[in-house]
């Protein structure tokens, strides 16, 4: 049995080109478009950053020795929460103090990454209160939460939203159990609000198995999905093409370098477009990263503090 090794102290999917310019919304926020990053060929590497412990800036410290391209194409702020207001009986978007600090300091935590051509996405996670993506009881309430998400993306100049349906503890505080319509309504509304932004899925929880309702399959509205079990290979059972899927997942510093290399080699040989990593910290991890960058890009990773 695979073991989920993501940290439980959290309170709180991707073949993007490293040469892509920032979105129009981000340009408007920063006042300047990003300079093109050096081109690289191969899958997009994604870095989840546990901001309770680590800085988003770490993602921008790694380049490829051959060509100078960014190692990572996407950085994920981990994580905001879906909370529950027992008075209004409504879900709401919550930021703990560490997530709020990142957002409030976007000029130093987010913009430098975007200016390198790295997309920055906000992950949203359950918080043990009974509220989750799979138990909105109406299209209206799902749309209301979708607006909170898209407003946050616009306000802070982010590049999208990532859904992680863990730790909701459906049923707490008298909340409803998961239903088939909720996540479909949520993703549909969010895609309508932000047609050009990323919507990704950490492939776990009730929402991940409820992607179709009333003749609508929201798989096509997702940009990416990935395996949630670090140190393993598991193809997400979602109707997305291979360039948008990451069957590989590694936790930096805990997944062995040999396993990381094997998973990267398989990613390339089987034609998948994303390679997922978690828990990049502030130490020099160039040796850990090189284990997979050699297989993905034919290059060592270089660290520049």
Protein backbone atom coordinates (compact mmCIF):
# COMPACT_ATOMS: atom_id res chain seq x y z
CA UNK A 1 0.00 0.00 0.00
CA UNK A 2 1.25 3.42 -0.87
CA UNK A 3 1.78 5.77 2.03
CA UNK A 4 0.80 9.39 1.84
CA UNK A 5 3.69 11.32 3.31
CA UNK A 6 2.58 14.90 3.13
CA UNK A 7 2.87 16.75 6.41
CA UNK A 8 -0.26 16.71 8.56
CA UNK A 9 0.71 19.97 10.25
CA UNK A 10 -0.60 21.87 7.29
CA UNK A 11 -3.38 24.25 8.16
CA UNK A 12 -4.23 25.08 5.42
CA UNK A 13 -2.18 19.65 -11.39
CA UNK A 14 1.24 20.41 -16.20
CA UNK A 15 3.19 20.83 -19.25
CA UNK A 16 3.69 24.57 -18.99
CA UNK A 17 6.51 26.07 -21.02
CA UNK A 18 9.21 27.82 -19.07
CA UNK A 19 9.32 30.39 -21.85
CA UNK A 20 5.70 31.50 -21.41
CA UNK A 21 5.09 35.17 -20.64
CA UNK A 22 3.02 36.13 -17.61
CA UNK A 23 -0.71 36.37 -18.01
CA UNK A 24 -2.36 39.69 -18.82
CA UNK A 25 -3.76 39.90 -15.29
CA UNK A 26 -0.36 39.42 -13.70
CA UNK A 27 1.20 41.94 -16.05
CA UNK A 28 -1.39 44.45 -14.98
CA UNK A 29 -0.59 43.74 -11.33
CA UNK A 30 3.18 44.02 -11.68
CA UNK A 31 3.31 46.70 -14.35
CA UNK A 32 5.78 44.73 -16.46
CA UNK A 33 5.82 41.50 -18.40
CA UNK A 34 8.29 38.77 -17.52
CA UNK A 35 11.52 38.44 -19.39
CA UNK A 36 11.57 35.19 -21.40
CA UNK A 37 13.31 32.37 -19.58
CA UNK A 38 15.87 30.30 -21.48
CA UNK A 39 14.17 27.54 -23.44
CA UNK A 40 14.21 23.99 -22.19
CA UNK A 41 12.75 20.80 -23.60
CA UNK A 42 10.95 18.18 -21.55
CA UNK A 43 8.23 17.83 -18.93
CA UNK A 44 7.28 20.64 -16.57
CA UNK A 45 8.51 20.18 -13.03
CA UNK A 46 6.18 21.36 -10.27
CA UNK A 47 7.19 22.36 -6.74
CA UNK A 48 4.75 22.38 -3.86
CA UNK A 49 6.11 24.67 -1.16
CA UNK A 50 4.99 24.16 2.43
CA UNK A 51 4.96 27.86 3.30
CA UNK A 52 4.48 27.17 7.00
CA UNK A 53 8.14 26.16 6.91
CA UNK A 54 9.74 27.31 3.65
CA UNK A 55 9.98 30.26 1.27
CA UNK A 56 8.45 30.42 -2.20
CA UNK A 57 11.69 32.09 -3.31
CA UNK A 58 13.47 28.72 -3.11
CA UNK A 59 11.79 27.66 -6.36
CA UNK A 60 13.61 30.35 -8.33
CA UNK A 61 17.06 29.35 -7.08
CA UNK A 62 17.50 26.37 -9.42
CA UNK A 63 18.45 26.42 -13.09
CA UNK A 64 19.77 23.86 -15.55
CA UNK A 65 23.51 23.76 -16.15
CA UNK A 66 22.88 23.16 -19.85
CA UNK A 67 21.06 26.22 -21.17
CA UNK A 68 20.17 27.97 -17.94
CA UNK A 69 16.43 27.26 -18.00
CA UNK A 70 14.43 27.10 -14.78
CA UNK A 71 14.26 23.67 -13.19
CA UNK A 72 10.67 24.36 -12.14
CA UNK A 73 7.86 25.64 -14.33
CA UNK A 74 5.19 25.84 -11.63
CA UNK A 75 5.33 26.75 -7.95
CA UNK A 76 2.41 25.91 -5.68
CA UNK A 77 1.68 27.89 -2.51
CA UNK A 78 0.70 25.21 0.01
CA UNK A 79 -1.88 25.87 1.28
CA UNK A 80 -4.96 28.00 1.80
CA UNK A 81 -8.02 26.37 3.36
CA UNK A 82 -11.68 25.85 2.74
CA UNK A 83 -13.20 26.60 6.15
CA UNK A 84 -16.77 26.51 7.47
CA UNK A 85 -18.73 29.30 9.16
CA UNK A 86 -21.12 27.61 11.59
CA UNK A 87 -23.25 30.77 11.89
CA UNK A 88 -23.87 31.32 8.20
CA UNK A 89 -23.45 27.61 7.39
CA UNK A 90 -21.26 28.53 4.44
CA UNK A 91 -17.79 27.62 3.25
CA UNK A 92 -15.22 30.37 2.99
CA UNK A 93 -11.61 30.77 1.85
CA UNK A 94 -9.14 31.10 4.69
CA UNK A 95 -5.44 31.99 4.79
CA UNK A 96 -3.32 31.12 7.78
CA UNK A 97 -0.71 33.68 8.79
CA UNK A 98 2.01 32.11 6.64
CA UNK A 99 -0.08 31.98 3.47
CA UNK A 100 -1.29 35.53 4.14
CA UNK A 101 2.32 36.65 4.54
CA UNK A 102 3.22 35.21 1.13
CA UNK A 103 0.25 36.92 -0.51
CA UNK A 104 0.84 40.24 1.23
CA UNK A 105 4.50 40.11 0.17
CA UNK A 106 3.81 39.15 -3.43
CA UNK A 107 6.43 41.65 -4.60
CA UNK A 108 9.19 39.57 -3.04
CA UNK A 109 7.64 36.08 -2.76
CA UNK A 110 5.67 35.73 -6.01
CA UNK A 111 6.70 38.33 -8.61
CA UNK A 112 10.37 37.26 -8.79
CA UNK A 113 9.25 33.75 -9.76
CA UNK A 114 6.77 35.02 -12.33
CA UNK A 115 9.40 37.31 -13.79
CA UNK A 116 11.53 34.22 -14.40
CA UNK A 117 8.61 32.61 -16.24
CA UNK A 118 7.49 30.38 -13.35
CA UNK A 119 3.74 30.14 -12.79
CA UNK A 120 2.51 30.55 -9.20
CA UNK A 121 -0.62 28.69 -8.14
CA UNK A 122 -2.50 28.68 -4.83
CA UNK A 123 -3.44 25.28 -3.42
CA UNK A 124 -6.65 25.02 -1.38
CA UNK A 125 -7.03 22.30 1.24
CA UNK A 126 -9.65 21.09 3.70
CA UNK A 127 -9.28 22.06 7.34
CA UNK A 128 -11.13 19.46 9.45
CA UNK A 129 -14.27 21.61 9.65
CA UNK A 130 -16.61 19.63 7.38
CA UNK A 131 -16.37 22.00 4.43
CA UNK A 132 -14.96 20.54 1.22
CA UNK A 133 -15.17 20.84 -2.53
CA UNK A 134 -17.55 17.87 -2.74
CA UNK A 135 -20.39 18.95 -0.43
CA UNK A 136 -21.74 22.24 -1.70
CA UNK A 137 -25.49 21.76 -1.56
CA UNK A 138 -26.39 23.99 -4.52
CA UNK A 139 -24.94 25.51 -7.65
CA UNK A 140 -25.27 28.92 -6.01
CA UNK A 141 -23.09 28.06 -3.03
CA UNK A 142 -20.48 26.39 -5.25
CA UNK A 143 -20.40 29.48 -7.48
CA UNK A 144 -20.02 31.73 -4.45
CA UNK A 145 -16.90 29.88 -3.32
CA UNK A 146 -15.57 29.86 -6.90
CA UNK A 147 -15.83 33.66 -6.88
CA UNK A 148 -13.79 33.83 -3.68
CA UNK A 149 -11.09 31.80 -5.42
CA UNK A 150 -11.05 33.80 -8.66
CA UNK A 151 -11.13 37.10 -6.74
CA UNK A 152 -8.04 35.97 -4.81
CA UNK A 153 -6.23 35.05 -8.03
CA UNK A 154 -7.02 38.49 -9.46
CA UNK A 155 -6.19 40.41 -6.29
CA UNK A 156 -2.76 38.88 -5.79
CA UNK A 157 -1.82 38.37 -9.44
CA UNK A 158 -1.66 34.58 -9.22
CA UNK A 159 -1.67 32.10 -12.09
CA UNK A 160 -4.36 29.73 -10.87
CA UNK A 161 -5.88 27.43 -8.26
CA UNK A 162 -5.01 23.89 -7.20
CA UNK A 163 -7.61 21.67 -5.50
CA UNK A 164 -6.53 19.23 -2.77
CA UNK A 165 -9.53 17.45 -1.24
CA UNK A 166 -7.89 16.21 1.95
CA UNK A 167 -8.72 16.80 5.62
CA UNK A 168 -12.21 18.18 4.98
CA UNK A 169 -13.68 15.65 7.42
CA UNK A 170 -17.05 15.75 5.74
CA UNK A 171 -19.89 15.66 8.25
CA UNK A 172 -18.17 17.73 10.93
CA UNK A 173 -20.24 20.68 12.18
CA UNK A 174 -23.35 19.07 10.73
CA UNK A 175 -22.14 19.47 7.16
CA UNK A 176 -23.44 17.36 4.30
CA UNK A 177 -21.70 14.28 2.93
CA UNK A 178 -20.06 14.44 -0.51
CA UNK A 179 -22.44 14.63 -3.45
CA UNK A 180 -22.04 14.19 -7.22
CA UNK A 181 -22.86 17.74 -8.31
CA UNK A 182 -20.72 19.88 -6.00
CA UNK A 183 -17.27 19.72 -7.54
CA UNK A 184 -18.69 19.86 -11.06
CA UNK A 185 -20.52 23.09 -10.23
CA UNK A 186 -17.42 24.50 -8.50
CA UNK A 187 -14.98 23.81 -11.33
CA UNK A 188 -17.47 24.95 -13.97
CA UNK A 189 -17.97 28.29 -12.22
CA UNK A 190 -14.27 28.77 -11.56
CA UNK A 191 -13.37 28.08 -15.19
CA UNK A 192 -15.99 30.60 -16.32
CA UNK A 193 -14.49 33.18 -13.94
CA UNK A 194 -10.89 32.63 -15.05
CA UNK A 195 -10.79 31.08 -18.53
CA UNK A 196 -7.07 31.63 -19.01
CA UNK A 197 -5.76 30.55 -15.61
CA UNK A 198 -4.59 27.19 -14.30
CA UNK A 199 -6.98 24.83 -12.53
CA UNK A 200 -5.13 21.77 -11.27
CA UNK A 201 -6.12 18.73 -9.23
CA UNK A 202 -4.21 16.85 -6.58
CA UNK A 203 -5.85 13.53 -7.37
CA UNK A 204 -7.23 12.50 -4.00
CA UNK A 205 -10.42 12.65 -1.99
CA UNK A 206 -14.14 12.57 -2.82
CA UNK A 207 -13.93 15.46 -5.29
CA UNK A 208 -11.40 13.63 -7.45
CA UNK A 209 -13.85 10.79 -8.08
CA UNK A 210 -16.81 13.08 -8.80
CA UNK A 211 -15.91 14.83 -12.04
CA UNK A 212 -19.11 14.18 -13.98
CA UNK A 213 -22.70 15.23 -13.30
CA UNK A 214 -25.77 16.05 -15.36
CA UNK A 215 -24.00 15.40 -18.64
CA UNK A 216 -21.07 17.67 -17.73
CA UNK A 217 -17.57 16.20 -17.31
CA UNK A 218 -15.23 18.79 -15.85
CA UNK A 219 -12.07 16.84 -16.69
CA UNK A 220 -11.74 19.00 -19.81
CA UNK A 221 -11.96 22.12 -17.65
CA UNK A 222 -8.89 21.05 -15.65
CA UNK A 223 -5.41 21.92 -16.86
CA UNK A 224 -3.49 19.29 -14.95
CA UNK A 225 -3.75 16.45 -12.47
CA UNK A 226 -1.14 14.53 -10.54
CA UNK A 227 -0.43 11.54 -8.34
CA UNK A 228 -0.69 12.40 -4.62
CA UNK A 229 1.49 9.58 -3.27
CA UNK A 230 5.14 10.56 -2.98
CA UNK A 231 7.78 8.08 -4.03
CA UNK A 232 5.36 6.24 -6.30
CA UNK A 233 4.13 5.97 -9.90
CA UNK A 234 0.35 6.21 -10.30
CA UNK A 235 -1.41 7.51 -13.41
CA UNK A 236 -4.37 9.75 -12.45
CA UNK A 237 -7.55 8.19 -13.82
CA UNK A 238 -8.73 11.43 -15.36
CA UNK A 239 -9.61 12.07 -18.99
CA UNK A 240 -6.67 14.35 -19.72
CA UNK A 241 -3.91 13.84 -22.29
CA UNK A 242 -0.52 12.61 -21.11
CA UNK A 243 1.14 16.05 -21.35
CA UNK A 244 -1.21 17.23 -18.58
CA UNK A 245 -0.64 14.35 -16.17
CA UNK A 246 2.00 13.54 -13.58
CA UNK A 247 2.08 9.87 -12.58
CA UNK A 248 5.38 10.55 -10.80
CA UNK A 249 5.54 12.21 -7.40
CA UNK A 250 8.57 12.71 -5.16
CA UNK A 251 9.22 14.33 -1.82
CA UNK A 252 12.55 16.09 -1.97
CA UNK A 253 14.89 14.82 0.71
CA UNK A 254 12.74 11.78 1.50
CA UNK A 255 12.25 10.02 -1.82
CA UNK A 256 15.56 8.38 -2.70
CA UNK A 257 17.54 9.82 -5.61
CA UNK A 258 17.45 6.48 -7.38
CA UNK A 259 13.66 6.39 -7.16
CA UNK A 260 13.42 10.02 -8.29
CA UNK A 261 15.60 9.19 -11.29
CA UNK A 262 13.59 6.05 -12.14
CA UNK A 263 10.31 8.00 -11.99
CA UNK A 264 11.75 10.75 -14.20
CA UNK A 265 13.06 8.23 -16.71
CA UNK A 266 9.62 6.61 -16.88
CA UNK A 267 7.94 10.01 -17.26
CA UNK A 268 9.97 10.66 -20.40
CA UNK A 269 9.80 7.15 -21.85
CA UNK A 270 6.02 6.94 -21.45
CA UNK A 271 5.36 10.45 -22.76
CA UNK A 272 3.96 12.23 -19.71
CA UNK A 273 4.31 15.99 -19.41
CA UNK A 274 4.58 16.75 -15.71
CA UNK A 275 6.87 15.78 -12.82
CA UNK A 276 5.60 16.58 -9.32
CA UNK A 277 7.75 17.42 -6.31
CA UNK A 278 6.97 18.40 -2.73
CA UNK A 279 8.74 20.06 0.17
CA UNK A 280 11.58 21.98 -1.43
CA UNK A 281 13.32 23.66 1.48
CA UNK A 282 15.97 26.36 1.82
CA UNK A 283 19.05 24.15 1.75
CA UNK A 284 21.06 23.35 -1.39
CA UNK A 285 19.06 20.50 -2.94
CA UNK A 286 20.86 20.54 -6.31
CA UNK A 287 22.00 16.92 -5.90
CA UNK A 288 18.46 15.75 -5.17
CA UNK A 289 17.10 17.76 -8.10
CA UNK A 290 19.87 16.62 -10.45
CA UNK A 291 18.73 13.03 -9.92
CA UNK A 292 15.59 13.83 -11.91
CA UNK A 293 16.73 16.75 -14.07
CA UNK A 294 19.37 14.55 -15.72
CA UNK A 295 16.56 12.23 -16.85
CA UNK A 296 14.00 14.93 -17.71
CA UNK A 297 16.29 17.51 -19.33
CA UNK A 298 19.73 15.94 -19.79
CA UNK A 299 21.25 18.43 -17.37
CA UNK A 300 22.41 18.88 -13.82
CA UNK A 301 20.57 21.31 -11.58
CA UNK A 302 22.49 24.37 -10.39
CA UNK A 303 21.72 26.16 -7.10
CA UNK A 304 22.17 29.91 -6.78
CA UNK A 305 21.29 31.16 -3.27
